[in-house]
């Protein structure tokens, strides 16, 4: 939609409208721009003594760029981007790239989630949750070679942002960040996921055994 309205490619619009005005110099979506960045390439995890290997290709298709397929940035720039939501749409450089009305629209819950393992509500973009009674907005993202999380806590004037280039390690790392680091830094923790009671059972699990494929991904269960 943005490309049709503006008559420019999405990569150009992102750079002109957000990355450059916000002073996010360590962020890029195109391969030729990444050449000038200190990129931590994606790696598989070291399983059962195997040697970690570089993940190739480093992203999904370019057509999925707006969904996060090709975007790469430093954790510092990701945190600075989160700060825009704390500052009502104004960047650290003093430029306004979003109106306060746009910010409020984006963080207003639209859908309540029946399962709270990710969040309680979903807004126009970020999700909304409550950690120790404090409202937290944010979003996670991933492509083949990395995963990231960005959360901001207006009541604490704080941002949590981190990136991993080993996707398989994200769940354990995020648990430490959301529970231990968040508690030390902001005095809040993400609610623990409780096991269902009574436990869920699958009548015929054999029905789900097979190979699942999508785009460049393949998963065998």
Protein backbone atom coordinates (compact mmCIF):
# COMPACT_ATOMS: atom_id res chain seq x y z
CA UNK A 1 0.00 0.00 0.00
CA UNK A 2 2.77 2.43 0.94
CA UNK A 3 4.60 1.71 -2.32
CA UNK A 4 1.47 2.37 -4.39
CA UNK A 5 0.71 5.62 -2.58
CA UNK A 6 4.27 6.99 -2.54
CA UNK A 7 5.49 5.51 -5.81
CA UNK A 8 8.71 4.30 -4.17
CA UNK A 9 10.02 0.88 -3.12
CA UNK A 10 9.41 -0.15 0.48
CA UNK A 11 13.15 -0.24 1.25
CA UNK A 12 13.52 3.38 0.15
CA UNK A 13 10.47 4.51 2.10
CA UNK A 14 11.66 2.83 5.28
CA UNK A 15 15.05 4.51 4.94
CA UNK A 16 13.65 7.96 4.13
CA UNK A 17 10.73 8.03 6.56
CA UNK A 18 12.12 6.21 9.60
CA UNK A 19 15.74 5.05 9.61
CA UNK A 20 17.43 8.27 8.50
CA UNK A 21 15.22 10.75 10.44
CA UNK A 22 15.64 8.63 13.57
CA UNK A 23 19.42 8.54 13.13
CA UNK A 24 19.45 4.73 12.98
CA UNK A 25 22.74 4.37 11.13
CA UNK A 26 23.23 0.70 11.96
CA UNK A 27 20.10 -0.50 10.20
CA UNK A 28 19.55 -1.73 6.65
CA UNK A 29 17.33 -3.94 4.53
CA UNK A 30 19.35 -4.35 1.33
CA UNK A 31 22.36 -6.60 0.84
CA UNK A 32 24.43 -3.77 -0.66
CA UNK A 33 23.82 -1.64 2.45
CA UNK A 34 24.69 -4.46 4.83
CA UNK A 35 28.18 -4.59 3.33
CA UNK A 36 28.96 -1.43 5.30
CA UNK A 37 27.71 -2.81 8.61
CA UNK A 38 29.33 -5.05 11.22
CA UNK A 39 26.92 -7.94 10.80
CA UNK A 40 26.79 -10.94 13.11
CA UNK A 41 25.79 -13.66 10.65
CA UNK A 42 23.27 -16.27 11.69
CA UNK A 43 24.49 -19.61 13.05
CA UNK A 44 22.90 -22.90 13.93
CA UNK A 45 23.29 -23.96 17.54
CA UNK A 46 25.88 -26.48 18.69
CA UNK A 47 23.82 -29.63 19.10
CA UNK A 48 25.35 -32.82 20.50
CA UNK A 49 28.90 -31.67 19.82
CA UNK A 50 28.27 -30.66 16.22
CA UNK A 51 30.10 -27.67 14.78
CA UNK A 52 27.88 -24.56 14.42
CA UNK A 53 27.45 -23.50 10.81
CA UNK A 54 26.55 -20.26 9.08
CA UNK A 55 22.91 -20.08 8.01
CA UNK A 56 22.36 -19.42 4.32
CA UNK A 57 20.46 -17.69 2.88
CA UNK A 58 20.37 -15.04 5.62
CA UNK A 59 16.72 -14.04 5.04
CA UNK A 60 13.45 -15.10 3.48
CA UNK A 61 12.35 -13.69 0.14
CA UNK A 62 12.69 -9.93 -0.41
CA UNK A 63 8.94 -9.72 -1.03
CA UNK A 64 8.55 -10.42 2.70
CA UNK A 65 10.67 -7.41 3.61
CA UNK A 66 7.81 -5.48 5.25
CA UNK A 67 7.21 -8.51 7.50
CA UNK A 68 10.79 -8.31 8.76
CA UNK A 69 12.49 -10.74 6.40
CA UNK A 70 15.34 -8.45 5.34
CA UNK A 71 15.59 -5.85 8.13
CA UNK A 72 18.78 -5.95 10.17
CA UNK A 73 19.96 -3.51 12.82
CA UNK A 74 21.99 -3.27 15.98
CA UNK A 75 20.36 -3.82 19.36
CA UNK A 76 21.26 -0.22 20.22
CA UNK A 77 19.34 1.10 17.21
CA UNK A 78 16.42 -1.18 18.02
CA UNK A 79 16.29 0.32 21.51
CA UNK A 80 16.45 3.84 20.07
CA UNK A 81 13.52 2.96 17.79
CA UNK A 82 11.56 1.80 20.84
CA UNK A 83 12.33 5.13 22.48
CA UNK A 84 10.28 6.86 19.78
CA UNK A 85 7.14 5.34 21.32
CA UNK A 86 8.13 6.63 24.75
CA UNK A 87 8.68 10.11 23.36
CA UNK A 88 5.33 10.46 21.58
CA UNK A 89 6.77 10.00 18.10
CA UNK A 90 9.87 12.20 18.45
CA UNK A 91 13.32 10.70 17.82
CA UNK A 92 16.53 11.26 19.78
CA UNK A 93 17.57 13.66 17.01
CA UNK A 94 14.54 15.83 17.78
CA UNK A 95 12.63 14.98 14.61
CA UNK A 96 9.00 13.95 14.73
CA UNK A 97 8.32 10.94 12.54
CA UNK A 98 4.99 9.92 14.10
CA UNK A 99 2.20 12.04 15.49
CA UNK A 100 1.08 11.48 19.05
CA UNK A 101 -2.32 10.48 17.61
CA UNK A 102 -0.61 7.81 15.49
CA UNK A 103 1.23 6.48 18.54
CA UNK A 104 -1.96 6.28 20.58
CA UNK A 105 -3.76 4.54 17.72
CA UNK A 106 -0.96 1.99 17.38
CA UNK A 107 -0.90 1.09 21.10
CA UNK A 108 -4.67 0.83 21.59
CA UNK A 109 -5.71 -2.84 22.05
CA UNK A 110 -7.86 -4.15 19.22
CA UNK A 111 -8.15 -7.88 19.97
CA UNK A 112 -8.05 -9.74 23.26
CA UNK A 113 -5.99 -12.92 23.06
CA UNK A 114 -7.55 -16.06 24.52
CA UNK A 115 -4.11 -17.58 25.16
CA UNK A 116 -1.75 -15.35 27.14
CA UNK A 117 1.57 -17.08 26.50
CA UNK A 118 2.56 -14.18 24.20
CA UNK A 119 0.47 -11.24 25.37
CA UNK A 120 -3.00 -10.28 26.57
CA UNK A 121 -4.02 -8.02 23.68
CA UNK A 122 -2.95 -7.13 20.16
CA UNK A 123 -2.85 -3.58 18.91
CA UNK A 124 -2.16 -2.14 15.44
CA UNK A 125 1.40 -3.43 15.32
CA UNK A 126 2.59 -4.18 18.86
CA UNK A 127 1.09 -6.51 21.41
CA UNK A 128 0.17 -5.38 24.93
CA UNK A 129 0.82 -7.32 28.10
CA UNK A 130 1.08 -6.72 31.85
CA UNK A 131 4.20 -7.65 33.78
CA UNK A 132 3.84 -7.33 37.55
CA UNK A 133 0.84 -5.08 36.91
CA UNK A 134 2.81 -2.75 34.58
CA UNK A 135 1.70 -2.36 30.95
CA UNK A 136 4.25 -3.47 28.38
CA UNK A 137 4.03 -3.05 24.62
CA UNK A 138 6.26 -4.76 22.11
CA UNK A 139 6.85 -7.13 19.25
CA UNK A 140 9.12 -10.03 18.43
CA UNK A 141 10.58 -10.76 15.02
CA UNK A 142 12.64 -13.32 13.21
CA UNK A 143 14.02 -14.46 9.92
CA UNK A 144 16.13 -17.50 9.08
CA UNK A 145 19.34 -16.22 10.65
CA UNK A 146 18.21 -14.29 13.70
CA UNK A 147 15.54 -13.31 16.18
CA UNK A 148 14.79 -10.12 18.07
CA UNK A 149 12.51 -8.62 20.72
CA UNK A 150 11.53 -5.03 21.39
CA UNK A 151 9.42 -3.98 24.37
CA UNK A 152 8.78 -0.58 25.90
CA UNK A 153 7.40 0.26 29.33
CA UNK A 154 6.04 3.84 29.45
CA UNK A 155 5.41 3.70 33.21
CA UNK A 156 9.09 2.86 33.73
CA UNK A 157 10.41 5.09 30.92
CA UNK A 158 12.31 2.08 29.68
CA UNK A 159 12.97 -0.09 26.64
CA UNK A 160 14.05 -3.72 26.37
CA UNK A 161 15.70 -4.65 23.08
CA UNK A 162 17.88 -7.59 22.14
CA UNK A 163 18.90 -9.57 19.08
CA UNK A 164 20.31 -13.08 18.71
CA UNK A 165 22.07 -14.54 15.69
CA UNK A 166 21.40 -18.09 16.91
CA UNK A 167 17.61 -18.48 16.53
CA UNK A 168 17.44 -21.78 18.43
CA UNK A 169 18.78 -20.10 21.59
CA UNK A 170 16.19 -17.30 21.70
CA UNK A 171 13.65 -18.92 24.02
CA UNK A 172 16.19 -19.52 26.79
CA UNK A 173 17.79 -16.10 26.33
CA UNK A 174 14.43 -14.31 26.29
CA UNK A 175 13.38 -16.07 29.49
CA UNK A 176 16.42 -14.68 31.29
CA UNK A 177 15.87 -11.18 29.86
CA UNK A 178 12.14 -11.04 30.64
CA UNK A 179 12.42 -12.51 34.12
CA UNK A 180 15.81 -11.81 35.67
CA UNK A 181 17.12 -8.75 33.78
CA UNK A 182 13.70 -7.04 33.64
CA UNK A 183 13.28 -7.55 37.39
CA UNK A 184 16.70 -6.06 38.20
CA UNK A 185 16.28 -3.14 35.79
CA UNK A 186 12.59 -2.24 36.03
CA UNK A 187 11.25 -4.26 38.96
CA UNK A 188 8.88 -6.29 36.76
CA UNK A 189 8.83 -9.81 35.35
CA UNK A 190 6.89 -11.46 32.56
CA UNK A 191 4.24 -13.86 33.91
CA UNK A 192 5.27 -17.50 33.78
CA UNK A 193 3.43 -19.85 31.45
CA UNK A 194 1.50 -22.33 33.56
CA UNK A 195 1.02 -25.91 32.51
CA UNK A 196 -2.61 -26.68 31.56
CA UNK A 197 -4.67 -28.36 34.23
CA UNK A 198 -5.80 -30.97 33.53
CA UNK A 199 -2.97 -31.77 31.06
CA UNK A 200 -3.90 -31.71 27.39
CA UNK A 201 -3.86 -35.00 25.55
CA UNK A 202 -3.84 -35.76 21.83
CA UNK A 203 -5.99 -38.73 20.92
CA UNK A 204 -4.00 -39.69 17.83
CA UNK A 205 -0.61 -37.89 17.68
CA UNK A 206 0.42 -40.00 14.69
CA UNK A 207 -1.88 -37.87 12.54
CA UNK A 208 0.52 -34.94 12.93
CA UNK A 209 3.72 -36.76 12.08
CA UNK A 210 5.22 -35.69 8.76
CA UNK A 211 7.17 -33.06 6.88
CA UNK A 212 5.90 -29.48 6.92
CA UNK A 213 7.25 -27.12 4.28
CA UNK A 214 6.79 -23.41 3.58
CA UNK A 215 8.93 -21.24 1.31
CA UNK A 216 12.55 -22.06 2.15
CA UNK A 217 11.68 -23.80 5.43
CA UNK A 218 11.21 -27.49 6.14
CA UNK A 219 10.29 -29.10 9.44
CA UNK A 220 10.04 -32.80 10.19
CA UNK A 221 7.88 -33.89 13.13
